[in-house]
Amino acid sequence: MATLERSPADRVTVALTVVFSLSLLVVSRSGDPRLWIGWSVLMVVLSGAALIRFNRPTHRP
């Protein structure tokens, strides 16, 4: 059975997906609009930072 090599970008993608899903579950149950806004800003910053980090031409894993 072959093992798949995981790149740092793959690990970050999985981590972001887990954080996104779990935090969405918590926020959706709260119903507080301020929490929704804070959550959305945080998710945009996190995903944007990951995109910038892994798409730079000088990326070093």
N, C-alpha and C. Protein backbone atom coordinates (compact mmCIF):
# COMPACT_ATOMS: atom_id res chain seq x y z
N MET A 1 0.84 -1.18 0.00
CA MET A 1 0.00 0.00 0.00
C MET A 1 0.89 1.24 0.00
N ALA A 2 0.66 2.12 -0.94
CA ALA A 2 1.47 3.33 -1.05
C ALA A 2 0.96 4.40 -0.10
N THR A 3 1.91 5.12 0.46
CA THR A 3 1.52 6.24 1.32
C THR A 3 1.64 7.53 0.52
N LEU A 4 0.73 8.41 0.75
CA LEU A 4 0.74 9.68 0.04
C LEU A 4 1.57 10.69 0.82
N GLU A 5 2.40 11.42 0.11
CA GLU A 5 3.17 12.49 0.72
C GLU A 5 2.26 13.71 0.88
N ARG A 6 2.24 14.25 2.06
CA ARG A 6 1.42 15.43 2.32
C ARG A 6 2.31 16.67 2.35
N SER A 7 1.94 17.66 1.57
CA SER A 7 2.69 18.91 1.57
C SER A 7 2.18 19.81 2.70
N PRO A 8 2.97 20.81 3.07
CA PRO A 8 2.49 21.75 4.10
C PRO A 8 1.19 22.43 3.69
N ALA A 9 1.03 22.70 2.41
CA ALA A 9 -0.20 23.34 1.94
C ALA A 9 -1.40 22.42 2.15
N ASP A 10 -1.21 21.13 1.96
CA ASP A 10 -2.30 20.17 2.20
C ASP A 10 -2.70 20.17 3.67
N ARG A 11 -1.71 20.18 4.55
CA ARG A 11 -2.00 20.18 5.98
C ARG A 11 -2.72 21.45 6.41
N VAL A 12 -2.30 22.58 5.86
CA VAL A 12 -2.96 23.85 6.19
C VAL A 12 -4.39 23.86 5.66
N THR A 13 -4.61 23.31 4.49
CA THR A 13 -5.95 23.24 3.92
C THR A 13 -6.87 22.41 4.81
N VAL A 14 -6.39 21.28 5.26
CA VAL A 14 -7.19 20.43 6.15
C VAL A 14 -7.46 21.14 7.46
N ALA A 15 -6.44 21.78 8.03
CA ALA A 15 -6.61 22.50 9.30
C ALA A 15 -7.61 23.63 9.15
N LEU A 16 -7.52 24.40 8.06
CA LEU A 16 -8.48 25.49 7.83
C LEU A 16 -9.90 24.96 7.68
N THR A 17 -10.05 23.83 7.01
CA THR A 17 -11.37 23.24 6.83
C THR A 17 -11.97 22.82 8.16
N VAL A 18 -11.16 22.21 9.01
CA VAL A 18 -11.64 21.78 10.32
C VAL A 18 -11.99 22.98 11.19
N VAL A 19 -11.11 23.98 11.23
CA VAL A 19 -11.38 25.19 12.02
C VAL A 19 -12.63 25.89 11.51
N PHE A 20 -12.75 26.02 10.20
CA PHE A 20 -13.91 26.66 9.61
C PHE A 20 -15.19 25.94 10.01
N SER A 21 -15.20 24.63 9.86
CA SER A 21 -16.42 23.85 10.13
C SER A 21 -16.81 23.89 11.60
N LEU A 22 -15.84 23.68 12.48
CA LEU A 22 -16.16 23.69 13.91
C LEU A 22 -16.58 25.07 14.40
N SER A 23 -15.88 26.09 13.94
CA SER A 23 -16.24 27.44 14.38
C SER A 23 -17.59 27.87 13.79
N LEU A 24 -17.89 27.43 12.57
CA LEU A 24 -19.19 27.73 11.98
C LEU A 24 -20.31 27.09 12.80
N LEU A 25 -20.10 25.89 13.26
CA LEU A 25 -21.08 25.21 14.09
C LEU A 25 -21.35 26.00 15.36
N VAL A 26 -20.30 26.47 16.01
CA VAL A 26 -20.46 27.24 17.25
C VAL A 26 -21.17 28.56 16.99
N VAL A 27 -20.74 29.27 15.96
CA VAL A 27 -21.32 30.59 15.66
C VAL A 27 -22.77 30.46 15.21
N SER A 28 -23.07 29.44 14.43
CA SER A 28 -24.45 29.30 13.94
C SER A 28 -25.43 29.01 15.07
N ARG A 29 -24.96 28.38 16.12
CA ARG A 29 -25.84 28.11 17.26
C ARG A 29 -26.03 29.32 18.16
N SER A 30 -25.13 30.29 18.07
CA SER A 30 -25.23 31.46 18.95
C SER A 30 -26.30 32.44 18.48
N GLY A 31 -26.32 32.73 17.18
CA GLY A 31 -27.29 33.67 16.65
C GLY A 31 -26.95 35.13 16.89
N ASP A 32 -25.80 35.42 17.50
CA ASP A 32 -25.39 36.80 17.79
C ASP A 32 -24.77 37.42 16.54
N PRO A 33 -25.34 38.53 16.03
CA PRO A 33 -24.81 39.14 14.81
C PRO A 33 -23.36 39.61 14.95
N ARG A 34 -22.98 40.06 16.13
CA ARG A 34 -21.60 40.52 16.33
C ARG A 34 -20.63 39.34 16.20
N LEU A 35 -21.05 38.20 16.70
CA LEU A 35 -20.21 37.01 16.60
C LEU A 35 -20.09 36.57 15.14
N TRP A 36 -21.18 36.67 14.37
CA TRP A 36 -21.14 36.33 12.95
C TRP A 36 -20.16 37.23 12.21
N ILE A 37 -20.19 38.52 12.49
CA ILE A 37 -19.28 39.46 11.80
C ILE A 37 -17.84 39.17 12.18
N GLY A 38 -17.59 38.97 13.47
CA GLY A 38 -16.24 38.65 13.91
C GLY A 38 -15.73 37.36 13.30
N TRP A 39 -16.59 36.35 13.24
CA TRP A 39 -16.22 35.07 12.65
C TRP A 39 -15.89 35.23 11.17
N SER A 40 -16.73 35.97 10.46
CA SER A 40 -16.50 36.12 9.01
C SER A 40 -15.20 36.87 8.73
N VAL A 41 -14.91 37.90 9.51
CA VAL A 41 -13.66 38.64 9.32
C VAL A 41 -12.47 37.72 9.61
N LEU A 42 -12.54 36.96 10.68
CA LEU A 42 -11.46 36.05 11.03
C LEU A 42 -11.24 34.99 9.95
N MET A 43 -12.30 34.46 9.39
CA MET A 43 -12.15 33.44 8.35
C MET A 43 -11.54 34.02 7.08
N VAL A 44 -11.91 35.25 6.73
CA VAL A 44 -11.32 35.90 5.55
C VAL A 44 -9.83 36.13 5.77
N VAL A 45 -9.47 36.58 6.96
CA VAL A 45 -8.05 36.82 7.26
C VAL A 45 -7.26 35.51 7.24
N LEU A 46 -7.79 34.47 7.88
CA LEU A 46 -7.08 33.19 7.91
C LEU A 46 -6.91 32.59 6.52
N SER A 47 -7.97 32.56 5.74
CA SER A 47 -7.87 31.97 4.41
C SER A 47 -7.00 32.83 3.49
N GLY A 48 -7.09 34.14 3.62
CA GLY A 48 -6.25 35.03 2.83
C GLY A 48 -4.78 34.87 3.17
N ALA A 49 -4.48 34.74 4.46
CA ALA A 49 -3.09 34.54 4.88
C ALA A 49 -2.54 33.23 4.34
N ALA A 50 -3.35 32.19 4.35
CA ALA A 50 -2.91 30.89 3.81
C ALA A 50 -2.67 30.99 2.30
N LEU A 51 -3.56 31.66 1.60
CA LEU A 51 -3.38 31.83 0.15
C LEU A 51 -2.10 32.61 -0.16
N ILE A 52 -1.87 33.68 0.58
CA ILE A 52 -0.68 34.50 0.35
C ILE A 52 0.58 33.68 0.65
N ARG A 53 0.56 32.96 1.76
CA ARG A 53 1.75 32.20 2.17
C ARG A 53 2.12 31.13 1.15
N PHE A 54 1.16 30.42 0.64
CA PHE A 54 1.47 29.30 -0.23
C PHE A 54 1.47 29.63 -1.71
N ASN A 55 1.12 30.84 -2.09
CA ASN A 55 1.12 31.20 -3.51
C ASN A 55 2.19 32.21 -3.87
N ARG A 56 3.03 32.55 -2.93
CA ARG A 56 4.15 33.46 -3.26
C ARG A 56 5.20 32.69 -4.06
N PRO A 57 5.82 33.37 -5.03
CA PRO A 57 6.83 32.69 -5.84
C PRO A 57 8.06 32.30 -5.02
N THR A 58 8.31 32.97 -3.91
CA THR A 58 9.49 32.66 -3.09
C THR A 58 9.14 31.76 -1.93
N HIS A 59 8.03 31.02 -2.04
CA HIS A 59 7.56 30.14 -0.97
C HIS A 59 8.60 29.10 -0.61
N ARG A 60 8.87 28.99 0.69
CA ARG A 60 9.77 27.96 1.20
C ARG A 60 9.02 27.18 2.27
N PRO A 61 8.70 25.94 2.01
CA PRO A 61 7.93 25.14 2.99
C PRO A 61 8.67 24.88 4.29
